[in-house]
Amino acid sequence: MWKIYFLKSIKKNWYYVGSTNDISRRMQEHNKGKVRSTKAYFPLKLVHVIESTSEKDARDLEKKIKQKRLLKKEIIRTIKE
């Protein structure tokens, strides 16, 4: 099962979206500073997950969310922390 995940910086009001098939491994990488795009914003917490049955669908949705700022903002608005 693939997942599209949303992370929020604990220190700043900043969100990141990504996709993976191993959320716990990916969270460790993000919070150890091993991911260049989130390194300046960690520690991060997982705030939302969307499940997908295929890698292609997950990657396509991740790309769509990243390209369409309004879609990302709308999803973030629905997140209850």
C-alpha atoms as a PDB file:
ATOM      1  CA  MET A   1       0.000   0.000   0.000  1.00  0.00           C
ATOM      2  CA  TRP A   2       1.351   3.406  -0.996  1.00  0.00           C
ATOM      3  CA  LYS A   3       0.678   6.560   0.973  1.00  0.00           C
ATOM      4  CA  ILE A   4       0.635  10.262   0.172  1.00  0.00           C
ATOM      5  CA  TYR A   5       1.576  11.985   3.405  1.00  0.00           C
ATOM      6  CA  PHE A   6       1.536  15.510   4.785  1.00  0.00           C
ATOM      7  CA  LEU A   7       4.107  16.680   7.301  1.00  0.00           C
ATOM      8  CA  LYS A   8       4.015  19.854   9.340  1.00  0.00           C
ATOM      9  CA  SER A   9       7.042  21.540  10.826  1.00  0.00           C
ATOM     10  CA  ILE A  10       6.799  21.760  14.603  1.00  0.00           C
ATOM     11  CA  LYS A  11       8.812  25.003  14.649  1.00  0.00           C
ATOM     12  CA  LYS A  12       7.368  26.789  11.607  1.00  0.00           C
ATOM     13  CA  ASN A  13       4.010  26.980   9.843  1.00  0.00           C
ATOM     14  CA  TRP A  14       5.230  24.914   6.898  1.00  0.00           C
ATOM     15  CA  TYR A  15       3.818  21.788   5.242  1.00  0.00           C
ATOM     16  CA  TYR A  16       5.397  19.134   3.049  1.00  0.00           C
ATOM     17  CA  VAL A  17       3.721  16.504   0.892  1.00  0.00           C
ATOM     18  CA  GLY A  18       5.373  13.270  -0.236  1.00  0.00           C
ATOM     19  CA  SER A  19       4.651   9.648  -1.073  1.00  0.00           C
ATOM     20  CA  THR A  20       6.089   6.352   0.128  1.00  0.00           C
ATOM     21  CA  ASN A  21       5.371   2.703   0.718  1.00  0.00           C
ATOM     22  CA  ASP A  22       7.096   2.772   4.135  1.00  0.00           C
ATOM     23  CA  ILE A  23       5.891   5.713   6.217  1.00  0.00           C
ATOM     24  CA  SER A  24       7.910   4.903   9.361  1.00  0.00           C
ATOM     25  CA  ARG A  25      11.208   4.711   7.445  1.00  0.00           C
ATOM     26  CA  ARG A  26      10.394   7.916   5.588  1.00  0.00           C
ATOM     27  CA  MET A  27       9.522   9.765   8.812  1.00  0.00           C
ATOM     28  CA  GLN A  28      12.873   8.741  10.306  1.00  0.00           C
ATOM     29  CA  GLU A  29      14.680  10.063   7.231  1.00  0.00           C
ATOM     30  CA  HIS A  30      12.827  13.375   7.427  1.00  0.00           C
ATOM     31  CA  ASN A  31      13.429  13.839  11.160  1.00  0.00           C
ATOM     32  CA  LYS A  32      17.118  12.923  10.969  1.00  0.00           C
ATOM     33  CA  GLY A  33      17.699  15.637   8.381  1.00  0.00           C
ATOM     34  CA  LYS A  34      18.397  13.191   5.547  1.00  0.00           C
ATOM     35  CA  VAL A  35      15.853  14.750   3.160  1.00  0.00           C
ATOM     36  CA  ARG A  36      17.185  17.913   1.546  1.00  0.00           C
ATOM     37  CA  SER A  37      13.782  19.536   1.013  1.00  0.00           C
ATOM     38  CA  THR A  38      12.733  19.221   4.682  1.00  0.00           C
ATOM     39  CA  LYS A  39      16.098  19.486   6.432  1.00  0.00           C
ATOM     40  CA  ALA A  40      15.623  23.154   7.380  1.00  0.00           C
ATOM     41  CA  TYR A  41      12.178  22.498   8.846  1.00  0.00           C
ATOM     42  CA  PHE A  42      12.544  19.478  11.107  1.00  0.00           C
ATOM     43  CA  PRO A  43      11.354  18.258  13.544  1.00  0.00           C
ATOM     44  CA  LEU A  44       8.259  17.333  11.570  1.00  0.00           C
ATOM     45  CA  LYS A  45       5.061  15.582  12.517  1.00  0.00           C
ATOM     46  CA  LEU A  46       2.787  13.479  10.353  1.00  0.00           C
ATOM     47  CA  VAL A  47      -0.578  15.226  10.074  1.00  0.00           C
ATOM     48  CA  HIS A  48      -2.433  13.484   7.231  1.00  0.00           C
ATOM     49  CA  VAL A  49      -2.221  10.336   5.079  1.00  0.00           C
ATOM     50  CA  ILE A  50      -4.045   9.396   1.879  1.00  0.00           C
ATOM     51  CA  GLU A  51      -3.773   5.729   0.902  1.00  0.00           C
ATOM     52  CA  SER A  52      -3.280   4.526  -2.658  1.00  0.00           C
ATOM     53  CA  THR A  53      -3.181   1.033  -4.114  1.00  0.00           C
ATOM     54  CA  SER A  54      -0.391   1.725  -6.613  1.00  0.00           C
ATOM     55  CA  GLU A  55       2.874   3.614  -6.740  1.00  0.00           C
ATOM     56  CA  LYS A  56       1.869   5.317  -9.992  1.00  0.00           C
ATOM     57  CA  ASP A  57      -1.389   6.635  -8.544  1.00  0.00           C
ATOM     58  CA  ALA A  58       0.404   7.841  -5.400  1.00  0.00           C
ATOM     59  CA  ARG A  59       3.133   9.628  -7.374  1.00  0.00           C
ATOM     60  CA  ASP A  60       0.573  11.171  -9.736  1.00  0.00           C
ATOM     61  CA  LEU A  61      -1.521  12.507  -6.846  1.00  0.00           C
ATOM     62  CA  GLU A  62       1.574  13.815  -5.041  1.00  0.00           C
ATOM     63  CA  LYS A  63       2.621  15.655  -8.212  1.00  0.00           C
ATOM     64  CA  LYS A  64      -0.880  17.077  -8.707  1.00  0.00           C
ATOM     65  CA  ILE A  65      -1.003  18.334  -5.101  1.00  0.00           C
ATOM     66  CA  LYS A  66       2.431  19.949  -5.423  1.00  0.00           C
ATOM     67  CA  GLN A  67       1.561  21.632  -8.720  1.00  0.00           C
ATOM     68  CA  LYS A  68      -1.832  22.948  -7.634  1.00  0.00           C
ATOM     69  CA  ARG A  69      -1.307  25.188  -4.614  1.00  0.00           C
ATOM     70  CA  LEU A  70      -5.046  25.623  -4.068  1.00  0.00           C
ATOM     71  CA  LEU A  71      -5.529  21.853  -3.839  1.00  0.00           C
ATOM     72  CA  LYS A  72      -2.727  21.598  -1.275  1.00  0.00           C
ATOM     73  CA  LYS A  73      -4.220  24.477   0.740  1.00  0.00           C
ATOM     74  CA  GLU A  74      -7.677  22.900   0.630  1.00  0.00           C
ATOM     75  CA  ILE A  75      -6.352  19.573   1.924  1.00  0.00           C
ATOM     76  CA  ILE A  76      -4.367  21.329   4.656  1.00  0.00           C
ATOM     77  CA  ARG A  77      -7.512  23.235   5.717  1.00  0.00           C
ATOM     78  CA  THR A  78      -9.313  19.922   6.287  1.00  0.00           C
ATOM     79  CA  ILE A  79      -6.539  18.508   8.494  1.00  0.00           C
ATOM     80  CA  LYS A  80      -7.447  18.333  12.165  1.00  0.00           C
ATOM     81  CA  GLU A  81      -4.340  18.160  14.311  1.00  0.00           C
END
